[in-house]
Amino acid sequence: MSKERARRRAERLAVLEREKAVRARRVARRQRRRAVLRKLTPPRIGSDGRLYHRSRRQRAGILIVPLLAIAAVWLFIPETALRILLTVLLVLAAPALVVVVLGRRP
């Protein structure tokens, strides 16, 4: 009788050890995955998670100045091909100009 109980206890312990090993592998895999994701994502700055902040006036300027420049191009330049070329150039150059003029400050 005691040999049977000992055998059952040994079986239960073996099953528990296997489950514990599986659980430990899962936890280790999850921790490695989180560490990789932590390395890949940029740090959160501020309470809302944005990397940098722009004031309301800056955002309005970013929107209004290129629109005024495009309007000036379409009002004062007579050739349609040149209008389209300058409009495309303004649209493509606007993000770079914003970074150069306003900077990427945290």
PDB file of N, CA and C in Angstrom:
ATOM      1  N   MET A   1       0.813  -1.191   0.000  1.00  0.00           N
ATOM      2  CA  MET A   1       0.000   0.000   0.000  1.00  0.00           C
ATOM      3  C   MET A   1       0.858   1.257   0.000  1.00  0.00           C
ATOM      4  N   SER A   2       1.876   1.331   0.852  1.00  0.00           N
ATOM      5  CA  SER A   2       2.716   2.520   0.907  1.00  0.00           C
ATOM      6  C   SER A   2       3.555   2.657  -0.367  1.00  0.00           C
ATOM      7  N   LYS A   3       3.920   1.508  -0.975  1.00  0.00           N
ATOM      8  CA  LYS A   3       4.663   1.583  -2.237  1.00  0.00           C
ATOM      9  C   LYS A   3       3.785   2.189  -3.331  1.00  0.00           C
ATOM     10  N   GLU A   4       2.523   1.827  -3.322  1.00  0.00           N
ATOM     11  CA  GLU A   4       1.592   2.377  -4.316  1.00  0.00           C
ATOM     12  C   GLU A   4       1.432   3.892  -4.126  1.00  0.00           C
ATOM     13  N   ARG A   5       1.291   4.332  -2.877  1.00  0.00           N
ATOM     14  CA  ARG A   5       1.187   5.773  -2.607  1.00  0.00           C
ATOM     15  C   ARG A   5       2.449   6.508  -3.010  1.00  0.00           C
ATOM     16  N   ALA A   6       3.583   5.918  -2.746  1.00  0.00           N
ATOM     17  CA  ALA A   6       4.857   6.534  -3.128  1.00  0.00           C
ATOM     18  C   ALA A   6       4.969   6.640  -4.646  1.00  0.00           C
ATOM     19  N   ARG A   7       4.548   5.619  -5.359  1.00  0.00           N
ATOM     20  CA  ARG A   7       4.592   5.645  -6.817  1.00  0.00           C
ATOM     21  C   ARG A   7       3.666   6.736  -7.369  1.00  0.00           C
ATOM     22  N   ARG A   8       2.443   6.837  -6.813  1.00  0.00           N
ATOM     23  CA  ARG A   8       1.505   7.865  -7.243  1.00  0.00           C
ATOM     24  C   ARG A   8       2.050   9.268  -6.953  1.00  0.00           C
ATOM     25  N   ARG A   9       2.636   9.411  -5.767  1.00  0.00           N
ATOM     26  CA  ARG A   9       3.215  10.705  -5.408  1.00  0.00           C
ATOM     27  C   ARG A   9       4.340  11.058  -6.362  1.00  0.00           C
ATOM     28  N   ALA A  10       5.168  10.085  -6.722  1.00  0.00           N
ATOM     29  CA  ALA A  10       6.265  10.328  -7.662  1.00  0.00           C
ATOM     30  C   ALA A  10       5.722  10.718  -9.039  1.00  0.00           C
ATOM     31  N   GLU A  11       4.641  10.075  -9.465  1.00  0.00           N
ATOM     32  CA  GLU A  11       4.026  10.432 -10.744  1.00  0.00           C
ATOM     33  C   GLU A  11       3.478  11.862 -10.702  1.00  0.00           C
ATOM     34  N   ARG A  12       2.784  12.190  -9.580  1.00  0.00           N
ATOM     35  CA  ARG A  12       2.251  13.546  -9.433  1.00  0.00           C
ATOM     36  C   ARG A  12       3.366  14.580  -9.442  1.00  0.00           C
ATOM     37  N   LEU A  13       4.445  14.287  -8.742  1.00  0.00           N
ATOM     38  CA  LEU A  13       5.571  15.220  -8.702  1.00  0.00           C
ATOM     39  C   LEU A  13       6.224  15.372 -10.079  1.00  0.00           C
ATOM     40  N   ALA A  14       6.313  14.274 -10.816  1.00  0.00           N
ATOM     41  CA  ALA A  14       6.895  14.352 -12.161  1.00  0.00           C
ATOM     42  C   ALA A  14       6.029  15.214 -13.075  1.00  0.00           C
ATOM     43  N   VAL A  15       4.701  15.040 -12.980  1.00  0.00           N
ATOM     44  CA  VAL A  15       3.795  15.854 -13.793  1.00  0.00           C
ATOM     45  C   VAL A  15       3.916  17.324 -13.391  1.00  0.00           C
ATOM     46  N   LEU A  16       3.959  17.593 -12.100  1.00  0.00           N
ATOM     47  CA  LEU A  16       4.092  18.973 -11.633  1.00  0.00           C
ATOM     48  C   LEU A  16       5.402  19.599 -12.104  1.00  0.00           C
ATOM     49  N   GLU A  17       6.483  18.822 -12.081  1.00  0.00           N
ATOM     50  CA  GLU A  17       7.780  19.348 -12.543  1.00  0.00           C
ATOM     51  C   GLU A  17       7.736  19.684 -14.031  1.00  0.00           C
ATOM     52  N   ARG A  18       7.107  18.814 -14.817  1.00  0.00           N
ATOM     53  CA  ARG A  18       6.983  19.096 -16.254  1.00  0.00           C
ATOM     54  C   ARG A  18       6.161  20.355 -16.499  1.00  0.00           C
ATOM     55  N   GLU A  19       5.044  20.496 -15.781  1.00  0.00           N
ATOM     56  CA  GLU A  19       4.210  21.694 -15.933  1.00  0.00           C
ATOM     57  C   GLU A  19       4.973  22.945 -15.510  1.00  0.00           C
ATOM     58  N   LYS A  20       5.756  22.818 -14.441  1.00  0.00           N
ATOM     59  CA  LYS A  20       6.547  23.951 -13.969  1.00  0.00           C
ATOM     60  C   LYS A  20       7.597  24.343 -15.002  1.00  0.00           C
ATOM     61  N   ALA A  21       8.209  23.355 -15.654  1.00  0.00           N
ATOM     62  CA  ALA A  21       9.216  23.641 -16.684  1.00  0.00           C
ATOM     63  C   ALA A  21       8.564  24.319 -17.887  1.00  0.00           C
ATOM     64  N   VAL A  22       7.379  23.846 -18.293  1.00  0.00           N
ATOM     65  CA  VAL A  22       6.673  24.467 -19.418  1.00  0.00           C
ATOM     66  C   VAL A  22       6.324  25.912 -19.071  1.00  0.00           C
ATOM     67  N   ARG A  23       5.823  26.129 -17.874  1.00  0.00           N
ATOM     68  CA  ARG A  23       5.471  27.480 -17.429  1.00  0.00           C
ATOM     69  C   ARG A  23       6.697  28.386 -17.397  1.00  0.00           C
ATOM     70  N   ALA A  24       7.823  27.861 -16.921  1.00  0.00           N
ATOM     71  CA  ALA A  24       9.052  28.660 -16.864  1.00  0.00           C
ATOM     72  C   ALA A  24       9.522  29.030 -18.270  1.00  0.00           C
ATOM     73  N   ARG A  25       9.415  28.104 -19.238  1.00  0.00           N
ATOM     74  CA  ARG A  25       9.788  28.427 -20.624  1.00  0.00           C
ATOM     75  C   ARG A  25       8.890  29.515 -21.196  1.00  0.00           C
ATOM     76  N   ARG A  26       7.592  29.430 -20.915  1.00  0.00           N
ATOM     77  CA  ARG A  26       6.664  30.451 -21.409  1.00  0.00           C
ATOM     78  C   ARG A  26       6.995  31.826 -20.829  1.00  0.00           C
ATOM     79  N   VAL A  27       7.250  31.845 -19.526  1.00  0.00           N
ATOM     80  CA  VAL A  27       7.581  33.115 -18.872  1.00  0.00           C
ATOM     81  C   VAL A  27       8.875  33.685 -19.445  1.00  0.00           C
ATOM     82  N   ALA A  28       9.869  32.836 -19.640  1.00  0.00           N
ATOM     83  CA  ALA A  28      11.142  33.306 -20.198  1.00  0.00           C
ATOM     84  C   ALA A  28      10.953  33.836 -21.615  1.00  0.00           C
ATOM     85  N   ARG A  29      10.166  33.142 -22.428  1.00  0.00           N
ATOM     86  CA  ARG A  29       9.898  33.583 -23.795  1.00  0.00           C
ATOM     87  C   ARG A  29       9.180  34.932 -23.786  1.00  0.00           C
ATOM     88  N   ARG A  30       8.187  35.088 -22.900  1.00  0.00           N
ATOM     89  CA  ARG A  30       7.453  36.343 -22.793  1.00  0.00           C
ATOM     90  C   ARG A  30       8.377  37.483 -22.367  1.00  0.00           C
ATOM     91  N   GLN A  31       9.282  37.220 -21.423  1.00  0.00           N
ATOM     92  CA  GLN A  31      10.211  38.253 -20.972  1.00  0.00           C
ATOM     93  C   GLN A  31      11.178  38.648 -22.088  1.00  0.00           C
ATOM     94  N   ARG A  32      11.663  37.665 -22.863  1.00  0.00           N
ATOM     95  CA  ARG A  32      12.556  37.992 -23.982  1.00  0.00           C
ATOM     96  C   ARG A  32      11.833  38.832 -25.018  1.00  0.00           C
ATOM     97  N   ARG A  33      10.583  38.465 -25.332  1.00  0.00           N
ATOM     98  CA  ARG A  33       9.795  39.209 -26.309  1.00  0.00           C
ATOM     99  C   ARG A  33       9.568  40.641 -25.833  1.00  0.00           C
ATOM    100  N   ARG A  34       9.242  40.829 -24.571  1.00  0.00           N
ATOM    101  CA  ARG A  34       9.033  42.175 -24.030  1.00  0.00           C
ATOM    102  C   ARG A  34      10.313  42.989 -24.057  1.00  0.00           C
ATOM    103  N   ALA A  35      11.446  42.335 -23.766  1.00  0.00           N
ATOM    104  CA  ALA A  35      12.728  43.052 -23.799  1.00  0.00           C
ATOM    105  C   ALA A  35      13.044  43.514 -25.216  1.00  0.00           C
ATOM    106  N   VAL A  36      12.780  42.674 -26.209  1.00  0.00           N
ATOM    107  CA  VAL A  36      13.033  43.067 -27.605  1.00  0.00           C
ATOM    108  C   VAL A  36      12.117  44.219 -27.990  1.00  0.00           C
ATOM    109  N   LEU A  37      10.843  44.140 -27.637  1.00  0.00           N
ATOM    110  CA  LEU A  37       9.913  45.223 -27.953  1.00  0.00           C
ATOM    111  C   LEU A  37      10.309  46.514 -27.262  1.00  0.00           C
ATOM    112  N   ARG A  38      10.801  46.424 -26.036  1.00  0.00           N
ATOM    113  CA  ARG A  38      11.233  47.602 -25.301  1.00  0.00           C
ATOM    114  C   ARG A  38      12.416  48.264 -25.994  1.00  0.00           C
ATOM    115  N   LYS A  39      13.309  47.446 -26.569  1.00  0.00           N
ATOM    116  CA  LYS A  39      14.458  48.004 -27.282  1.00  0.00           C
ATOM    117  C   LYS A  39      14.032  48.657 -28.595  1.00  0.00           C
ATOM    118  N   LEU A  40      13.010  48.105 -29.250  1.00  0.00           N
ATOM    119  CA  LEU A  40      12.599  48.601 -30.561  1.00  0.00           C
ATOM    120  C   LEU A  40      11.740  49.856 -30.492  1.00  0.00           C
ATOM    121  N   THR A  41      10.973  50.035 -29.435  1.00  0.00           N
ATOM    122  CA  THR A  41      10.083  51.188 -29.363  1.00  0.00           C
ATOM    123  C   THR A  41      10.826  52.377 -28.757  1.00  0.00           C
ATOM    124  N   PRO A  42      10.574  53.583 -29.286  1.00  0.00           N
ATOM    125  CA  PRO A  42      11.236  54.766 -28.737  1.00  0.00           C
ATOM    126  C   PRO A  42      10.673  55.088 -27.357  1.00  0.00           C
ATOM    127  N   PRO A  43      11.450  55.782 -26.555  1.00  0.00           N
ATOM    128  CA  PRO A  43      10.967  56.105 -25.211  1.00  0.00           C
ATOM    129  C   PRO A  43       9.806  57.081 -25.264  1.00  0.00           C
ATOM    130  N   ARG A  44       8.881  56.922 -24.341  1.00  0.00           N
ATOM    131  CA  ARG A  44       7.731  57.824 -24.285  1.00  0.00           C
ATOM    132  C   ARG A  44       8.124  59.051 -23.491  1.00  0.00           C
ATOM    133  N   ILE A  45       7.876  60.206 -24.087  1.00  0.00           N
ATOM    134  CA  ILE A  45       8.203  61.461 -23.420  1.00  0.00           C
ATOM    135  C   ILE A  45       6.895  62.185 -23.179  1.00  0.00           C
ATOM    136  N   GLY A  46       6.647  62.571 -21.947  1.00  0.00           N
ATOM    137  CA  GLY A  46       5.415  63.269 -21.631  1.00  0.00           C
ATOM    138  C   GLY A  46       4.311  62.291 -21.275  1.00  0.00           C
ATOM    139  N   SER A  47       3.219  62.848 -20.816  1.00  0.00           N
ATOM    140  CA  SER A  47       2.128  62.004 -20.342  1.00  0.00           C
ATOM    141  C   SER A  47       1.280  61.449 -21.479  1.00  0.00           C
ATOM    142  N   ASP A  48       1.298  62.115 -22.651  1.00  0.00           N
ATOM    143  CA  ASP A  48       0.464  61.641 -23.742  1.00  0.00           C
ATOM    144  C   ASP A  48       1.220  60.736 -24.703  1.00  0.00           C
ATOM    145  N   GLY A  49       2.504  60.520 -24.502  1.00  0.00           N
ATOM    146  CA  GLY A  49       3.255  59.567 -25.301  1.00  0.00           C
ATOM    147  C   GLY A  49       3.856  60.130 -26.569  1.00  0.00           C
ATOM    148  N   ARG A  50       3.685  61.424 -26.833  1.00  0.00           N
ATOM    149  CA  ARG A  50       4.287  61.994 -28.039  1.00  0.00           C
ATOM    150  C   ARG A  50       5.772  62.212 -27.817  1.00  0.00           C
ATOM    151  N   LEU A  51       6.536  62.094 -28.877  1.00  0.00           N
ATOM    152  CA  LEU A  51       7.981  62.259 -28.766  1.00  0.00           C
ATOM    153  C   LEU A  51       8.368  63.723 -28.630  1.00  0.00           C
ATOM    154  N   TYR A  52       7.661  64.603 -29.280  1.00  0.00           N
ATOM    155  CA  TYR A  52       7.929  66.027 -29.145  1.00  0.00           C
ATOM    156  C   TYR A  52       6.622  66.783 -29.275  1.00  0.00           C
ATOM    157  N   HIS A  53       6.598  67.994 -28.749  1.00  0.00           N
ATOM    158  CA  HIS A  53       5.366  68.776 -28.690  1.00  0.00           C
ATOM    159  C   HIS A  53       5.524  70.028 -29.543  1.00  0.00           C
ATOM    160  N   ARG A  54       4.451  70.426 -30.150  1.00  0.00           N
ATOM    161  CA  ARG A  54       4.389  71.688 -30.878  1.00  0.00           C
ATOM    162  C   ARG A  54       3.260  72.510 -30.273  1.00  0.00           C
ATOM    163  N   SER A  55       3.478  73.806 -30.185  1.00  0.00           N
ATOM    164  CA  SER A  55       2.424  74.668 -29.657  1.00  0.00           C
ATOM    165  C   SER A  55       1.318  74.802 -30.697  1.00  0.00           C
ATOM    166  N   ARG A  56       0.205  75.340 -30.267  1.00  0.00           N
ATOM    167  CA  ARG A  56      -0.918  75.521 -31.181  1.00  0.00           C
ATOM    168  C   ARG A  56      -0.553  76.483 -32.300  1.00  0.00           C
ATOM    169  N   ARG A  57       0.201  77.544 -31.975  1.00  0.00           N
ATOM    170  CA  ARG A  57       0.634  78.503 -33.002  1.00  0.00           C
ATOM    171  C   ARG A  57       1.565  77.846 -34.011  1.00  0.00           C
ATOM    172  N   GLN A  58       2.466  76.985 -33.538  1.00  0.00           N
ATOM    173  CA  GLN A  58       3.375  76.302 -34.461  1.00  0.00           C
ATOM    174  C   GLN A  58       2.604  75.383 -35.398  1.00  0.00           C
ATOM    175  N   ARG A  59       1.662  74.621 -34.855  1.00  0.00           N
ATOM    176  CA  ARG A  59       0.877  73.727 -35.709  1.00  0.00           C
ATOM    177  C   ARG A  59       0.046  74.509 -36.720  1.00  0.00           C
ATOM    178  N   ALA A  60      -0.501  75.650 -36.295  1.00  0.00           N
ATOM    179  CA  ALA A  60      -1.258  76.491 -37.225  1.00  0.00           C
ATOM    180  C   ALA A  60      -0.329  77.030 -38.312  1.00  0.00           C
ATOM    181  N   GLY A  61       0.865  77.440 -37.939  1.00  0.00           N
ATOM    182  CA  GLY A  61       1.829  77.931 -38.920  1.00  0.00           C
ATOM    183  C   GLY A  61       2.246  76.856 -39.900  1.00  0.00           C
ATOM    184  N   ILE A  62       2.419  75.632 -39.394  1.00  0.00           N
ATOM    185  CA  ILE A  62       2.784  74.508 -40.259  1.00  0.00           C
ATOM    186  C   ILE A  62       1.692  74.278 -41.307  1.00  0.00           C
ATOM    187  N   LEU A  63       0.469  74.532 -40.962  1.00  0.00           N
ATOM    188  CA  LEU A  63      -0.638  74.344 -41.897  1.00  0.00           C
ATOM    189  C   LEU A  63      -0.843  75.551 -42.809  1.00  0.00           C
ATOM    190  N   ILE A  64      -0.795  76.758 -42.240  1.00  0.00           N
ATOM    191  CA  ILE A  64      -1.173  77.968 -42.987  1.00  0.00           C
ATOM    192  C   ILE A  64      -0.084  78.428 -43.957  1.00  0.00           C
ATOM    193  N   VAL A  65       1.185  78.410 -43.551  1.00  0.00           N
ATOM    194  CA  VAL A  65       2.260  78.937 -44.402  1.00  0.00           C
ATOM    195  C   VAL A  65       2.359  78.188 -45.736  1.00  0.00           C
ATOM    196  N   PRO A  66       2.383  76.853 -45.756  1.00  0.00           N
ATOM    197  CA  PRO A  66       2.415  76.189 -47.070  1.00  0.00           C
ATOM    198  C   PRO A  66       1.169  76.447 -47.911  1.00  0.00           C
ATOM    199  N   LEU A  67       0.000  76.540 -47.269  1.00  0.00           N
ATOM    200  CA  LEU A  67      -1.216  76.836 -48.033  1.00  0.00           C
ATOM    201  C   LEU A  67      -1.152  78.225 -48.657  1.00  0.00           C
ATOM    202  N   LEU A  68      -0.615  79.207 -47.924  1.00  0.00           N
ATOM    203  CA  LEU A  68      -0.452  80.543 -48.488  1.00  0.00           C
ATOM    204  C   LEU A  68       0.556  80.539 -49.636  1.00  0.00           C
ATOM    205  N   ALA A  69       1.636  79.769 -49.464  1.00  0.00           N
ATOM    206  CA  ALA A  69       2.643  79.696 -50.529  1.00  0.00           C
ATOM    207  C   ALA A  69       2.050  79.053 -51.781  1.00  0.00           C
ATOM    208  N   ILE A  70       1.264  78.019 -51.615  1.00  0.00           N
ATOM    209  CA  ILE A  70       0.627  77.371 -52.772  1.00  0.00           C
ATOM    210  C   ILE A  70      -0.374  78.323 -53.427  1.00  0.00           C
ATOM    211  N   ALA A  71      -1.120  79.052 -52.607  1.00  0.00           N
ATOM    212  CA  ALA A  71      -2.063  80.023 -53.168  1.00  0.00           C
ATOM    213  C   ALA A  71      -1.323  81.103 -53.953  1.00  0.00           C
ATOM    214  N   ALA A  72      -0.186  81.565 -53.426  1.00  0.00           N
ATOM    215  CA  ALA A  72       0.598  82.581 -54.134  1.00  0.00           C
ATOM    216  C   ALA A  72       1.119  82.031 -55.456  1.00  0.00           C
ATOM    217  N   VAL A  73       1.565  80.780 -55.448  1.00  0.00           N
ATOM    218  CA  VAL A  73       2.035  80.170 -56.691  1.00  0.00           C
ATOM    219  C   VAL A  73       0.922  80.150 -57.721  1.00  0.00           C
ATOM    220  N   TRP A  74      -0.272  79.745 -57.323  1.00  0.00           N
ATOM    221  CA  TRP A  74      -1.374  79.621 -58.279  1.00  0.00           C
ATOM    222  C   TRP A  74      -1.924  80.984 -58.707  1.00  0.00           C
ATOM    223  N   LEU A  75      -1.706  82.019 -57.900  1.00  0.00           N
ATOM    224  CA  LEU A  75      -2.189  83.349 -58.275  1.00  0.00           C
ATOM    225  C   LEU A  75      -1.212  84.093 -59.184  1.00  0.00           C
ATOM    226  N   PHE A  76       0.086  83.960 -58.929  1.00  0.00           N
ATOM    227  CA  PHE A  76       1.052  84.827 -59.592  1.00  0.00           C
ATOM    228  C   PHE A  76       1.845  84.165 -60.709  1.00  0.00           C
ATOM    229  N   ILE A  77       1.745  82.863 -60.874  1.00  0.00           N
ATOM    230  CA  ILE A  77       2.506  82.188 -61.928  1.00  0.00           C
ATOM    231  C   ILE A  77       1.524  81.741 -63.011  1.00  0.00           C
ATOM    232  N   PRO A  78       1.740  82.183 -64.243  1.00  0.00           N
ATOM    233  CA  PRO A  78       0.758  81.912 -65.287  1.00  0.00           C
ATOM    234  C   PRO A  78       0.824  80.501 -65.883  1.00  0.00           C
ATOM    235  N   GLU A  79       2.000  79.886 -65.963  1.00  0.00           N
ATOM    236  CA  GLU A  79       2.117  78.578 -66.614  1.00  0.00           C
ATOM    237  C   GLU A  79       1.619  77.465 -65.693  1.00  0.00           C
ATOM    238  N   THR A  80       0.751  76.628 -66.205  1.00  0.00           N
ATOM    239  CA  THR A  80       0.164  75.556 -65.402  1.00  0.00           C
ATOM    240  C   THR A  80       1.186  74.500 -65.020  1.00  0.00           C
ATOM    241  N   ALA A  81       2.077  74.164 -65.933  1.00  0.00           N
ATOM    242  CA  ALA A  81       3.081  73.141 -65.626  1.00  0.00           C
ATOM    243  C   ALA A  81       3.999  73.600 -64.501  1.00  0.00           C
ATOM    244  N   LEU A  82       4.372  74.870 -64.537  1.00  0.00           N
ATOM    245  CA  LEU A  82       5.234  75.409 -63.471  1.00  0.00           C
ATOM    246  C   LEU A  82       4.467  75.477 -62.156  1.00  0.00           C
ATOM    247  N   ARG A  83       3.181  75.804 -62.204  1.00  0.00           N
ATOM    248  CA  ARG A  83       2.351  75.812 -60.994  1.00  0.00           C
ATOM    249  C   ARG A  83       2.351  74.432 -60.336  1.00  0.00           C
ATOM    250  N   ILE A  84       2.100  73.414 -61.155  1.00  0.00           N
ATOM    251  CA  ILE A  84       2.035  72.047 -60.625  1.00  0.00           C
ATOM    252  C   ILE A  84       3.387  71.634 -60.061  1.00  0.00           C
ATOM    253  N   LEU A  85       4.457  71.956 -60.772  1.00  0.00           N
ATOM    254  CA  LEU A  85       5.808  71.607 -60.307  1.00  0.00           C
ATOM    255  C   LEU A  85       6.123  72.270 -58.977  1.00  0.00           C
ATOM    256  N   LEU A  86       5.828  73.567 -58.861  1.00  0.00           N
ATOM    257  CA  LEU A  86       6.107  74.276 -57.608  1.00  0.00           C
ATOM    258  C   LEU A  86       5.208  73.784 -56.468  1.00  0.00           C
ATOM    259  N   THR A  87       3.976  73.423 -56.771  1.00  0.00           N
ATOM    260  CA  THR A  87       3.086  72.887 -55.736  1.00  0.00           C
ATOM    261  C   THR A  87       3.617  71.560 -55.207  1.00  0.00           C
ATOM    262  N   VAL A  88       4.036  70.692 -56.104  1.00  0.00           N
ATOM    263  CA  VAL A  88       4.604  69.400 -55.679  1.00  0.00           C
ATOM    264  C   VAL A  88       5.872  69.621 -54.874  1.00  0.00           C
ATOM    265  N   LEU A  89       6.701  70.555 -55.317  1.00  0.00           N
ATOM    266  CA  LEU A  89       7.936  70.859 -54.596  1.00  0.00           C
ATOM    267  C   LEU A  89       7.642  71.375 -53.191  1.00  0.00           C
ATOM    268  N   LEU A  90       6.663  72.255 -53.065  1.00  0.00           N
ATOM    269  CA  LEU A  90       6.289  72.763 -51.741  1.00  0.00           C
ATOM    270  C   LEU A  90       5.758  71.649 -50.836  1.00  0.00           C
ATOM    271  N   VAL A  91       4.937  70.780 -51.387  1.00  0.00           N
ATOM    272  CA  VAL A  91       4.376  69.689 -50.583  1.00  0.00           C
ATOM    273  C   VAL A  91       5.471  68.739 -50.115  1.00  0.00           C
ATOM    274  N   LEU A  92       6.424  68.461 -50.994  1.00  0.00           N
ATOM    275  CA  LEU A  92       7.501  67.544 -50.611  1.00  0.00           C
ATOM    276  C   LEU A  92       8.519  68.188 -49.686  1.00  0.00           C
ATOM    277  N   ALA A  93       8.740  69.487 -49.817  1.00  0.00           N
ATOM    278  CA  ALA A  93       9.753  70.156 -49.013  1.00  0.00           C
ATOM    279  C   ALA A  93       9.222  70.633 -47.665  1.00  0.00           C
ATOM    280  N   ALA A  94       7.922  70.716 -47.504  1.00  0.00           N
ATOM    281  CA  ALA A  94       7.335  71.249 -46.272  1.00  0.00           C
ATOM    282  C   ALA A  94       7.783  70.504 -45.009  1.00  0.00           C
ATOM    283  N   PRO A  95       7.759  69.170 -44.960  1.00  0.00           N
ATOM    284  CA  PRO A  95       8.192  68.497 -43.721  1.00  0.00           C
ATOM    285  C   PRO A  95       9.656  68.772 -43.374  1.00  0.00           C
ATOM    286  N   ALA A  96      10.520  68.796 -44.370  1.00  0.00           N
ATOM    287  CA  ALA A  96      11.927  69.082 -44.097  1.00  0.00           C
ATOM    288  C   ALA A  96      12.108  70.514 -43.593  1.00  0.00           C
ATOM    289  N   LEU A  97      11.369  71.447 -44.193  1.00  0.00           N
ATOM    290  CA  LEU A  97      11.461  72.829 -43.740  1.00  0.00           C
ATOM    291  C   LEU A  97      10.945  72.996 -42.311  1.00  0.00           C
ATOM    292  N   VAL A  98       9.904  72.283 -41.963  1.00  0.00           N
ATOM    293  CA  VAL A  98       9.380  72.344 -40.595  1.00  0.00           C
ATOM    294  C   VAL A  98      10.440  71.887 -39.607  1.00  0.00           C
ATOM    295  N   VAL A  99      11.129  70.806 -39.927  1.00  0.00           N
ATOM    296  CA  VAL A  99      12.159  70.298 -39.019  1.00  0.00           C
ATOM    297  C   VAL A  99      13.326  71.267 -38.936  1.00  0.00           C
ATOM    298  N   VAL A 100      13.723  71.834 -40.060  1.00  0.00           N
ATOM    299  CA  VAL A 100      14.854  72.764 -40.064  1.00  0.00           C
ATOM    300  C   VAL A 100      14.495  74.034 -39.300  1.00  0.00           C
ATOM    301  N   VAL A 101      13.308  74.580 -39.551  1.00  0.00           N
ATOM    302  CA  VAL A 101      12.942  75.849 -38.935  1.00  0.00           C
ATOM    303  C   VAL A 101      12.578  75.680 -37.461  1.00  0.00           C
ATOM    304  N   LEU A 102      11.767  74.692 -37.151  1.00  0.00           N
ATOM    305  CA  LEU A 102      11.283  74.551 -35.775  1.00  0.00           C
ATOM    306  C   LEU A 102      12.102  73.577 -34.935  1.00  0.00           C
ATOM    307  N   GLY A 103      12.840  72.706 -35.576  1.00  0.00           N
ATOM    308  CA  GLY A 103      13.657  71.760 -34.827  1.00  0.00           C
ATOM    309  C   GLY A 103      12.846  70.604 -34.284  1.00  0.00           C
ATOM    310  N   ARG A 104      13.563  69.575 -33.844  1.00  0.00           N
ATOM    311  CA  ARG A 104      12.894  68.414 -33.229  1.00  0.00           C
ATOM    312  C   ARG A 104      13.275  68.377 -31.768  1.00  0.00           C
ATOM    313  N   ARG A 105      12.753  69.297 -31.044  1.00  0.00           N
ATOM    314  CA  ARG A 105      13.100  69.374 -29.632  1.00  0.00           C
ATOM    315  C   ARG A 105      12.159  68.506 -28.798  1.00  0.00           C
ATOM    316  N   PRO A 106      12.674  67.846 -27.772  1.00  0.00           N
ATOM    317  CA  PRO A 106      11.796  67.047 -26.909  1.00  0.00           C
ATOM    318  C   PRO A 106      10.990  67.908 -25.964  1.00  0.00           C
TER     319      PRO A 106
END
